């Protein structure tokens, strides 16, 4: 689960970038565009919150080594 939280911000940004590029080339229908944007915004918000939490704890948000 932590792995998914750690990659939430990059995945959200990639999804938003894909939406922007595809929408610029050809308009996307609202039935696809709205859920795609909502998911990307939610992922970016989760990623930003996790980065803030890691910054407060003095940890690296992309440290994938398991510390027990």
Protein backbone atom coordinates (compact mmCIF):
# COMPACT_ATOMS: atom_id res chain seq x y z
CA UNK A 1 0.00 0.00 0.00
CA UNK A 2 2.84 2.39 0.80
CA UNK A 3 4.28 1.79 -2.67
CA UNK A 4 1.04 3.01 -4.25
CA UNK A 5 1.06 6.14 -2.11
CA UNK A 6 4.68 6.85 -3.01
CA UNK A 7 3.99 6.81 -6.74
CA UNK A 8 0.63 8.64 -6.57
CA UNK A 9 2.05 12.05 -7.52
CA UNK A 10 4.03 10.88 -10.58
CA UNK A 11 1.11 8.75 -11.80
CA UNK A 12 -1.30 11.66 -11.36
CA UNK A 13 1.01 13.99 -13.26
CA UNK A 14 1.49 11.48 -16.09
CA UNK A 15 -2.26 10.94 -16.33
CA UNK A 16 -2.85 14.71 -16.44
CA UNK A 17 -0.13 15.12 -19.09
CA UNK A 18 -1.65 12.34 -21.20
CA UNK A 19 -5.08 13.98 -20.90
CA UNK A 20 -3.67 17.35 -21.94
CA UNK A 21 -1.80 15.99 -24.97
CA UNK A 22 -4.69 13.82 -26.16
CA UNK A 23 -7.22 16.62 -25.64
CA UNK A 24 -5.03 19.03 -27.58
CA UNK A 25 -4.77 16.64 -30.53
CA UNK A 26 -8.42 15.63 -30.58
CA UNK A 27 -11.27 16.58 -28.20
CA UNK A 28 -12.13 13.91 -25.63
CA UNK A 29 -15.76 13.18 -24.78
CA UNK A 30 -16.90 14.37 -21.36
CA UNK A 31 -17.74 10.82 -20.26
CA UNK A 32 -14.03 9.98 -20.43
CA UNK A 33 -12.48 13.37 -19.70
CA UNK A 34 -14.19 14.11 -16.38
CA UNK A 35 -13.33 10.83 -14.59
CA UNK A 36 -9.80 11.00 -15.99
CA UNK A 37 -9.28 14.51 -14.61
CA UNK A 38 -10.88 13.67 -11.26
CA UNK A 39 -8.66 10.60 -10.79
CA UNK A 40 -5.53 12.54 -11.75
CA UNK A 41 -6.36 15.38 -9.34
CA UNK A 42 -7.07 12.95 -6.50
CA UNK A 43 -3.79 11.12 -7.12
CA UNK A 44 -1.87 14.41 -7.18
CA UNK A 45 -3.50 15.55 -3.92
CA UNK A 46 -2.63 12.24 -2.21
CA UNK A 47 0.94 12.50 -3.48
CA UNK A 48 1.33 16.10 -2.31
CA UNK A 49 -0.05 15.24 1.14
CA UNK A 50 2.35 12.29 1.40
CA UNK A 51 5.28 14.46 0.38
CA UNK A 52 4.32 16.99 3.05
CA UNK A 53 4.09 14.26 5.66
CA UNK A 54 7.53 12.93 4.66
CA UNK A 55 8.99 16.45 4.73
CA UNK A 56 7.70 16.92 8.27
CA UNK A 57 9.24 13.63 9.38
CA UNK A 58 12.56 14.33 7.59
CA UNK A 59 12.20 11.31 5.31
CA UNK A 60 12.57 10.91 1.57
CA UNK A 61 9.21 10.29 -0.14
CA UNK A 62 10.82 8.06 -2.78
CA UNK A 63 12.80 5.80 -0.44
CA UNK A 64 11.53 2.36 -1.46
CA UNK A 65 13.74 0.43 0.94
CA UNK A 66 11.74 -1.16 3.71
CA UNK A 67 12.83 0.13 7.11
CA UNK A 68 11.36 -1.88 9.96
